[in-house]
């Protein structure tokens, strides 16, 4: 799990501890260890890191294998799209294929800036609870547009 900000990582670590989920925080990675984190057929351990520890030039690979070596859950969008793009470039430059997904909460600073509280009310009126995932290309485009402002 990757966060852009220390505060988000701290809150997420506290939530994992509260739920008795085993995790490990990292301050640095090397290319080889990232590709070996999720061996085929085995469930990987939860690992937390800041996006600033991932640099595309540090992870550049000569070739990429087909096996999935890293499942990255990015737990927030950065207000600047260039930061999200930089993280995606770094993860895409690994020797192994990465499965990458972004998850944002309506309480994320980026979404609060653009009416997260109003959106939350709308979703509740539609019958969705706070644990349900909402995914759509329009939402992705709206987040990208907000990051460009």
N, C-alpha and C. Protein backbone atom coordinates (compact mmCIF):
# COMPACT_ATOMS: atom_id res chain seq x y z
N UNK A 1 0.84 -1.15 0.00
CA UNK A 1 0.00 0.00 0.00
C UNK A 1 0.90 1.22 0.00
N UNK A 2 0.54 2.15 -0.85
CA UNK A 2 1.37 3.33 -1.05
C UNK A 2 0.53 4.57 -0.79
N UNK A 3 1.10 5.51 -0.04
CA UNK A 3 0.45 6.80 0.22
C UNK A 3 1.40 7.91 -0.19
N UNK A 4 0.84 9.05 -0.52
CA UNK A 4 1.67 10.20 -0.87
C UNK A 4 2.09 10.98 0.38
N UNK A 5 1.30 10.92 1.45
CA UNK A 5 1.55 11.77 2.62
C UNK A 5 1.73 10.94 3.89
N UNK A 6 2.65 11.41 4.75
CA UNK A 6 2.92 10.74 6.03
C UNK A 6 1.65 10.58 6.87
N UNK A 7 0.83 11.61 6.91
CA UNK A 7 -0.38 11.57 7.74
C UNK A 7 -1.30 10.43 7.31
N UNK A 8 -1.46 10.24 6.01
CA UNK A 8 -2.31 9.15 5.50
C UNK A 8 -1.73 7.80 5.89
N UNK A 9 -0.43 7.66 5.75
CA UNK A 9 0.22 6.40 6.09
C UNK A 9 0.08 6.10 7.58
N UNK A 10 0.20 7.12 8.41
CA UNK A 10 0.07 6.96 9.86
C UNK A 10 -1.34 6.50 10.23
N UNK A 11 -2.35 7.13 9.65
CA UNK A 11 -3.74 6.75 9.92
C UNK A 11 -4.00 5.33 9.44
N UNK A 12 -3.48 4.99 8.27
CA UNK A 12 -3.70 3.66 7.72
C UNK A 12 -3.02 2.60 8.59
N UNK A 13 -1.80 2.87 9.04
CA UNK A 13 -1.09 1.93 9.92
C UNK A 13 -1.87 1.73 11.21
N UNK A 14 -2.42 2.79 11.77
CA UNK A 14 -3.22 2.67 13.00
C UNK A 14 -4.45 1.81 12.77
N UNK A 15 -5.09 1.97 11.61
CA UNK A 15 -6.26 1.16 11.27
C UNK A 15 -5.88 -0.32 11.16
N UNK A 16 -4.75 -0.61 10.52
CA UNK A 16 -4.31 -2.01 10.40
C UNK A 16 -4.02 -2.60 11.78
N UNK A 17 -3.35 -1.83 12.64
CA UNK A 17 -3.07 -2.30 14.00
C UNK A 17 -4.37 -2.58 14.76
N UNK A 18 -5.31 -1.66 14.66
CA UNK A 18 -6.60 -1.78 15.34
C UNK A 18 -7.33 -3.04 14.91
N UNK A 19 -7.17 -3.41 13.65
CA UNK A 19 -7.85 -4.59 13.11
C UNK A 19 -6.99 -5.85 13.18
N UNK A 20 -5.85 -5.74 13.86
CA UNK A 20 -4.92 -6.86 14.04
C UNK A 20 -4.45 -7.46 12.71
N UNK A 21 -4.21 -6.59 11.74
CA UNK A 21 -3.68 -7.02 10.44
C UNK A 21 -2.18 -6.81 10.45
N UNK A 22 -1.44 -7.87 10.20
CA UNK A 22 0.02 -7.81 10.20
C UNK A 22 0.51 -7.00 9.00
N UNK A 23 1.42 -6.07 9.24
CA UNK A 23 1.97 -5.26 8.16
C UNK A 23 3.40 -4.87 8.49
N UNK A 24 4.07 -4.36 7.48
CA UNK A 24 5.43 -3.89 7.65
C UNK A 24 5.58 -2.58 6.89
N UNK A 25 6.23 -1.60 7.52
CA UNK A 25 6.49 -0.32 6.86
C UNK A 25 7.89 -0.34 6.26
N UNK A 26 8.03 0.30 5.11
CA UNK A 26 9.32 0.34 4.42
C UNK A 26 9.77 1.77 4.21
N UNK A 27 11.06 1.98 4.32
CA UNK A 27 11.66 3.28 4.04
C UNK A 27 12.36 3.29 2.70
N UNK A 28 12.68 2.11 2.18
CA UNK A 28 13.37 2.00 0.89
C UNK A 28 13.11 0.62 0.31
N UNK A 29 13.22 0.53 -0.99
CA UNK A 29 13.03 -0.73 -1.70
C UNK A 29 14.15 -0.89 -2.72
N UNK A 30 14.45 -2.12 -3.05
CA UNK A 30 15.28 -2.35 -4.23
C UNK A 30 14.41 -3.07 -5.25
N UNK A 31 14.80 -2.99 -6.48
CA UNK A 31 14.00 -3.52 -7.58
C UNK A 31 13.69 -5.00 -7.39
N UNK A 32 14.67 -5.79 -7.00
CA UNK A 32 14.49 -7.23 -6.85
C UNK A 32 13.46 -7.56 -5.77
N UNK A 33 13.56 -6.90 -4.61
CA UNK A 33 12.64 -7.23 -3.52
C UNK A 33 11.20 -6.88 -3.87
N UNK A 34 10.98 -5.83 -4.64
CA UNK A 34 9.61 -5.48 -5.03
C UNK A 34 8.99 -6.56 -5.90
N UNK A 35 9.76 -7.13 -6.79
CA UNK A 35 9.23 -8.16 -7.69
C UNK A 35 9.05 -9.50 -6.98
N UNK A 36 9.68 -9.69 -5.85
CA UNK A 36 9.57 -10.95 -5.12
C UNK A 36 8.62 -10.88 -3.93
N UNK A 37 7.89 -9.80 -3.79
CA UNK A 37 7.03 -9.62 -2.62
C UNK A 37 5.81 -10.50 -2.61
N UNK A 38 5.28 -10.84 -3.76
CA UNK A 38 4.07 -11.65 -3.84
C UNK A 38 4.33 -12.89 -4.68
N UNK A 39 4.93 -13.92 -4.09
CA UNK A 39 5.22 -15.13 -4.85
C UNK A 39 3.93 -15.74 -5.41
N UNK A 40 4.02 -16.32 -6.61
CA UNK A 40 2.83 -16.94 -7.22
C UNK A 40 2.20 -17.96 -6.27
N UNK A 41 0.87 -17.91 -6.17
CA UNK A 41 0.15 -18.88 -5.35
C UNK A 41 0.15 -18.59 -3.86
N UNK A 42 0.81 -17.53 -3.44
CA UNK A 42 0.84 -17.19 -2.01
C UNK A 42 0.31 -15.78 -1.81
N UNK A 43 -0.38 -15.62 -0.70
CA UNK A 43 -0.89 -14.30 -0.37
C UNK A 43 0.26 -13.46 0.18
N UNK A 44 0.42 -12.27 -0.35
CA UNK A 44 1.50 -11.40 0.09
C UNK A 44 1.18 -10.72 1.41
N UNK A 45 2.19 -10.25 2.06
CA UNK A 45 2.05 -9.53 3.31
C UNK A 45 1.77 -8.06 3.00
N UNK A 46 1.03 -7.41 3.87
CA UNK A 46 0.73 -5.99 3.68
C UNK A 46 1.99 -5.19 3.99
N UNK A 47 2.36 -4.33 3.05
CA UNK A 47 3.52 -3.47 3.22
C UNK A 47 3.10 -2.04 2.95
N UNK A 48 3.58 -1.12 3.77
CA UNK A 48 3.24 0.29 3.63
C UNK A 48 4.47 1.08 3.24
N UNK A 49 4.29 2.05 2.36
CA UNK A 49 5.41 2.90 1.96
C UNK A 49 4.89 4.23 1.44
N UNK A 50 5.76 5.21 1.48
CA UNK A 50 5.45 6.51 0.88
C UNK A 50 5.82 6.50 -0.59
N UNK A 51 5.07 7.22 -1.38
CA UNK A 51 5.34 7.27 -2.82
C UNK A 51 6.70 7.88 -3.12
N UNK A 52 7.21 8.71 -2.24
CA UNK A 52 8.50 9.36 -2.48
C UNK A 52 9.66 8.36 -2.51
N UNK A 53 9.44 7.13 -2.06
CA UNK A 53 10.48 6.10 -2.09
C UNK A 53 10.58 5.41 -3.44
N UNK A 54 9.67 5.73 -4.35
CA UNK A 54 9.65 5.09 -5.66
C UNK A 54 10.10 6.09 -6.71
N UNK A 55 11.18 5.78 -7.39
CA UNK A 55 11.70 6.65 -8.45
C UNK A 55 11.89 5.82 -9.71
N UNK A 56 11.34 6.27 -10.82
CA UNK A 56 11.40 5.51 -12.07
C UNK A 56 12.83 5.20 -12.49
N UNK A 57 13.74 6.16 -12.35
CA UNK A 57 15.11 5.91 -12.78
C UNK A 57 15.80 4.86 -11.92
N UNK A 58 15.38 4.73 -10.67
CA UNK A 58 15.96 3.73 -9.77
C UNK A 58 15.48 2.32 -10.10
N UNK A 59 14.26 2.22 -10.63
CA UNK A 59 13.66 0.91 -10.89
C UNK A 59 13.72 0.49 -12.34
N UNK A 60 14.29 1.29 -13.21
CA UNK A 60 14.28 0.99 -14.64
C UNK A 60 14.84 -0.40 -14.93
N UNK A 61 14.08 -1.17 -15.65
CA UNK A 61 14.46 -2.54 -15.99
C UNK A 61 14.76 -2.64 -17.48
N UNK A 62 15.66 -3.55 -17.83
CA UNK A 62 15.98 -3.76 -19.24
C UNK A 62 14.84 -4.47 -19.96
N UNK A 63 14.18 -5.38 -19.27
CA UNK A 63 13.03 -6.05 -19.85
C UNK A 63 12.06 -6.40 -18.72
N UNK A 64 10.81 -6.64 -19.09
CA UNK A 64 9.79 -6.93 -18.09
C UNK A 64 9.25 -8.33 -18.30
N UNK A 65 9.16 -9.09 -17.22
CA UNK A 65 8.60 -10.44 -17.33
C UNK A 65 7.08 -10.34 -17.27
N UNK A 66 6.41 -11.45 -17.59
CA UNK A 66 4.95 -11.47 -17.57
C UNK A 66 4.37 -11.75 -16.19
N UNK A 67 5.20 -12.25 -15.29
CA UNK A 67 4.64 -12.60 -13.98
C UNK A 67 4.36 -11.34 -13.16
N UNK A 68 3.27 -11.41 -12.40
CA UNK A 68 2.91 -10.30 -11.52
C UNK A 68 3.77 -10.41 -10.27
N UNK A 69 4.53 -9.38 -10.01
CA UNK A 69 5.40 -9.40 -8.84
C UNK A 69 4.95 -8.46 -7.75
N UNK A 70 4.14 -7.48 -8.10
CA UNK A 70 3.73 -6.49 -7.12
C UNK A 70 2.29 -6.10 -7.35
N UNK A 71 1.53 -6.13 -6.30
CA UNK A 71 0.16 -5.63 -6.32
C UNK A 71 0.16 -4.37 -5.48
N UNK A 72 0.08 -3.23 -6.14
CA UNK A 72 0.17 -1.94 -5.45
C UNK A 72 -1.20 -1.30 -5.32
N UNK A 73 -1.57 -1.00 -4.10
CA UNK A 73 -2.80 -0.30 -3.80
C UNK A 73 -2.39 1.10 -3.35
N UNK A 74 -2.69 2.08 -4.15
CA UNK A 74 -2.34 3.46 -3.82
C UNK A 74 -3.56 4.05 -3.13
N UNK A 75 -3.38 4.40 -1.85
CA UNK A 75 -4.54 4.70 -1.01
C UNK A 75 -4.97 6.16 -1.00
N UNK A 76 -4.44 6.94 -1.93
CA UNK A 76 -4.90 8.31 -2.10
C UNK A 76 -4.34 8.87 -3.39
N UNK A 77 -5.02 9.85 -3.93
CA UNK A 77 -4.49 10.59 -5.07
C UNK A 77 -3.73 11.80 -4.54
N UNK A 78 -2.68 12.18 -5.23
CA UNK A 78 -1.97 13.41 -4.88
C UNK A 78 -2.70 14.56 -5.56
N UNK A 79 -2.76 15.74 -4.93
CA UNK A 79 -3.43 16.87 -5.59
C UNK A 79 -2.80 17.25 -6.93
N UNK A 80 -1.52 16.94 -7.11
CA UNK A 80 -0.85 17.22 -8.39
C UNK A 80 -0.76 15.92 -9.20
N UNK A 81 -1.33 15.93 -10.37
CA UNK A 81 -1.36 14.71 -11.19
C UNK A 81 0.05 14.22 -11.54
N UNK A 82 0.99 15.14 -11.68
CA UNK A 82 2.35 14.74 -12.03
C UNK A 82 2.94 13.79 -10.98
N UNK A 83 2.53 13.92 -9.73
CA UNK A 83 3.01 13.02 -8.68
C UNK A 83 2.44 11.62 -8.83
N UNK A 84 1.14 11.53 -9.17
CA UNK A 84 0.54 10.22 -9.44
C UNK A 84 1.21 9.59 -10.66
N UNK A 85 1.42 10.39 -11.70
CA UNK A 85 2.04 9.88 -12.93
C UNK A 85 3.46 9.39 -12.67
N UNK A 86 4.20 10.11 -11.82
CA UNK A 86 5.57 9.71 -11.48
C UNK A 86 5.58 8.36 -10.76
N UNK A 87 4.66 8.19 -9.84
CA UNK A 87 4.56 6.92 -9.12
C UNK A 87 4.19 5.78 -10.08
N UNK A 88 3.25 6.02 -10.97
CA UNK A 88 2.87 5.00 -11.96
C UNK A 88 4.05 4.65 -12.86
N UNK A 89 4.84 5.63 -13.25
CA UNK A 89 6.02 5.38 -14.08
C UNK A 89 7.02 4.50 -13.35
N UNK A 90 7.25 4.79 -12.08
CA UNK A 90 8.20 4.00 -11.30
C UNK A 90 7.72 2.55 -11.18
N UNK A 91 6.45 2.35 -10.87
CA UNK A 91 5.93 0.99 -10.72
C UNK A 91 5.90 0.25 -12.05
N UNK A 92 5.68 0.97 -13.14
CA UNK A 92 5.67 0.36 -14.46
C UNK A 92 7.06 0.00 -14.96
N UNK A 93 8.09 0.58 -14.35
CA UNK A 93 9.47 0.34 -14.78
C UNK A 93 10.09 -0.89 -14.12
N UNK A 94 9.34 -1.58 -13.27
CA UNK A 94 9.88 -2.77 -12.60
C UNK A 94 10.12 -3.90 -13.59
N UNK A 95 10.96 -4.85 -13.19
CA UNK A 95 11.24 -6.03 -14.02
C UNK A 95 10.03 -6.93 -14.14
N UNK A 96 9.15 -6.88 -13.17
CA UNK A 96 7.95 -7.71 -13.19
C UNK A 96 6.74 -6.82 -13.48
N UNK A 97 5.68 -7.46 -13.88
CA UNK A 97 4.44 -6.72 -14.14
C UNK A 97 3.80 -6.35 -12.81
N UNK A 98 3.28 -5.14 -12.73
CA UNK A 98 2.62 -4.67 -11.51
C UNK A 98 1.13 -4.53 -11.74
N UNK A 99 0.35 -4.90 -10.75
CA UNK A 99 -1.08 -4.62 -10.76
C UNK A 99 -1.26 -3.42 -9.86
N UNK A 100 -1.75 -2.33 -10.41
CA UNK A 100 -1.82 -1.06 -9.70
C UNK A 100 -3.26 -0.57 -9.68
N UNK A 101 -3.72 -0.17 -8.50
CA UNK A 101 -5.04 0.46 -8.43
C UNK A 101 -5.01 1.59 -7.41
N UNK A 102 -5.77 2.62 -7.70
CA UNK A 102 -5.93 3.76 -6.81
C UNK A 102 -7.25 3.60 -6.07
N UNK A 103 -7.22 3.95 -4.80
CA UNK A 103 -8.44 4.00 -4.00
C UNK A 103 -8.45 5.33 -3.28
N UNK A 104 -9.55 6.03 -3.38
CA UNK A 104 -9.69 7.32 -2.71
C UNK A 104 -10.93 7.31 -1.84
N UNK A 105 -10.83 8.01 -0.74
CA UNK A 105 -11.99 8.17 0.14
C UNK A 105 -12.55 9.57 -0.09
N UNK A 106 -13.81 9.75 0.24
CA UNK A 106 -14.41 11.07 0.10
C UNK A 106 -13.79 12.07 1.07
N UNK A 107 -13.00 11.57 2.02
CA UNK A 107 -12.32 12.44 2.98
C UNK A 107 -10.92 12.83 2.51
N UNK A 108 -10.48 12.33 1.36
CA UNK A 108 -9.18 12.72 0.82
C UNK A 108 -9.17 14.23 0.56
N UNK A 109 -8.06 14.90 0.84
CA UNK A 109 -7.99 16.35 0.63
C UNK A 109 -8.41 16.77 -0.79
N UNK A 110 -8.01 16.01 -1.79
CA UNK A 110 -8.35 16.36 -3.16
C UNK A 110 -9.87 16.34 -3.37
N UNK A 111 -10.53 15.32 -2.84
CA UNK A 111 -11.97 15.21 -3.02
C UNK A 111 -12.74 16.19 -2.13
N UNK A 112 -12.22 16.47 -0.94
CA UNK A 112 -12.87 17.46 -0.07
C UNK A 112 -12.87 18.83 -0.73
N UNK A 113 -11.81 19.10 -1.45
CA UNK A 113 -11.66 20.37 -2.15
C UNK A 113 -12.76 20.57 -3.20
N UNK A 114 -13.28 19.45 -3.70
CA UNK A 114 -14.29 19.53 -4.75
C UNK A 114 -15.62 18.91 -4.33
N UNK A 115 -16.00 19.12 -3.07
CA UNK A 115 -17.34 18.75 -2.62
C UNK A 115 -17.51 17.32 -2.17
N UNK A 116 -16.50 16.74 -1.53
CA UNK A 116 -16.60 15.36 -1.05
C UNK A 116 -17.78 15.15 -0.12
N UNK A 117 -18.06 16.13 0.74
CA UNK A 117 -19.18 16.01 1.68
C UNK A 117 -20.52 15.96 0.93
N UNK A 118 -20.65 16.76 -0.11
CA UNK A 118 -21.89 16.76 -0.90
C UNK A 118 -22.05 15.44 -1.64
N UNK A 119 -20.95 14.94 -2.17
CA UNK A 119 -20.98 13.66 -2.89
C UNK A 119 -21.37 12.54 -1.93
N UNK A 120 -20.83 12.58 -0.71
CA UNK A 120 -21.16 11.56 0.29
C UNK A 120 -22.66 11.55 0.57
N UNK A 121 -23.26 12.75 0.72
CA UNK A 121 -24.70 12.84 0.95
C UNK A 121 -25.49 12.26 -0.21
N UNK A 122 -25.07 12.56 -1.42
CA UNK A 122 -25.73 12.04 -2.62
C UNK A 122 -25.67 10.52 -2.65
N UNK A 123 -24.49 9.95 -2.37
CA UNK A 123 -24.33 8.50 -2.39
C UNK A 123 -25.20 7.83 -1.32
N UNK A 124 -25.30 8.45 -0.15
CA UNK A 124 -26.17 7.90 0.90
C UNK A 124 -27.64 7.91 0.46
N UNK A 125 -28.07 9.01 -0.18
CA UNK A 125 -29.46 9.08 -0.67
C UNK A 125 -29.72 8.02 -1.73
N UNK A 126 -28.67 7.62 -2.45
CA UNK A 126 -28.81 6.57 -3.47
C UNK A 126 -28.78 5.18 -2.85
N UNK A 127 -28.55 5.10 -1.54
CA UNK A 127 -28.57 3.81 -0.86
C UNK A 127 -27.22 3.13 -0.70
N UNK A 128 -26.14 3.81 -1.04
CA UNK A 128 -24.80 3.23 -0.88
C UNK A 128 -24.28 3.52 0.52
N UNK A 129 -23.60 2.56 1.11
CA UNK A 129 -22.98 2.84 2.40
C UNK A 129 -21.51 3.16 2.21
N UNK A 130 -20.86 3.60 3.28
CA UNK A 130 -19.49 4.11 3.16
C UNK A 130 -18.44 3.05 2.81
N UNK A 131 -18.79 1.78 2.90
CA UNK A 131 -17.81 0.74 2.58
C UNK A 131 -17.87 0.30 1.12
N UNK A 132 -18.86 0.78 0.38
CA UNK A 132 -19.00 0.36 -1.01
C UNK A 132 -18.07 1.14 -1.92
N UNK A 133 -17.56 0.46 -2.91
CA UNK A 133 -16.66 1.05 -3.89
C UNK A 133 -17.46 1.60 -5.06
N UNK A 134 -17.13 2.81 -5.45
CA UNK A 134 -17.74 3.42 -6.62
C UNK A 134 -16.63 3.60 -7.64
N UNK A 135 -16.81 3.02 -8.80
CA UNK A 135 -15.77 3.09 -9.82
C UNK A 135 -16.42 3.39 -11.17
N UNK A 136 -15.90 4.40 -11.83
CA UNK A 136 -16.41 4.73 -13.15
C UNK A 136 -15.41 5.65 -13.84
N UNK A 137 -15.36 5.55 -15.15
CA UNK A 137 -14.44 6.37 -15.94
C UNK A 137 -14.68 7.87 -15.72
N UNK A 138 -15.94 8.26 -15.51
CA UNK A 138 -16.26 9.67 -15.26
C UNK A 138 -15.62 10.16 -13.96
N UNK A 139 -15.58 9.31 -12.95
CA UNK A 139 -14.96 9.68 -11.68
C UNK A 139 -13.46 9.85 -11.88
N UNK A 140 -12.85 8.93 -12.61
CA UNK A 140 -11.42 9.02 -12.89
C UNK A 140 -11.10 10.33 -13.63
N UNK A 141 -11.89 10.64 -14.63
CA UNK A 141 -11.66 11.88 -15.39
C UNK A 141 -11.86 13.12 -14.52
N UNK A 142 -12.84 13.08 -13.62
CA UNK A 142 -13.08 14.22 -12.72
C UNK A 142 -11.90 14.42 -11.77
N UNK A 143 -11.34 13.32 -11.28
CA UNK A 143 -10.16 13.42 -10.41
C UNK A 143 -8.99 14.00 -11.18
N UNK A 144 -8.77 13.52 -12.39
CA UNK A 144 -7.67 14.05 -13.21
C UNK A 144 -7.86 15.56 -13.48
N UNK A 145 -9.11 15.94 -13.78
CA UNK A 145 -9.38 17.36 -14.03
C UNK A 145 -9.11 18.19 -12.78
N UNK A 146 -9.49 17.67 -11.63
CA UNK A 146 -9.24 18.39 -10.37
C UNK A 146 -7.75 18.53 -10.11
N UNK A 147 -6.98 17.51 -10.45
CA UNK A 147 -5.53 17.57 -10.25
C UNK A 147 -4.88 18.60 -11.18
N UNK A 148 -5.48 18.85 -12.32
CA UNK A 148 -4.91 19.79 -13.28
C UNK A 148 -5.16 21.24 -12.88
N UNK A 149 -6.14 21.47 -12.01
CA UNK A 149 -6.50 22.85 -11.62
C UNK A 149 -5.49 23.45 -10.69
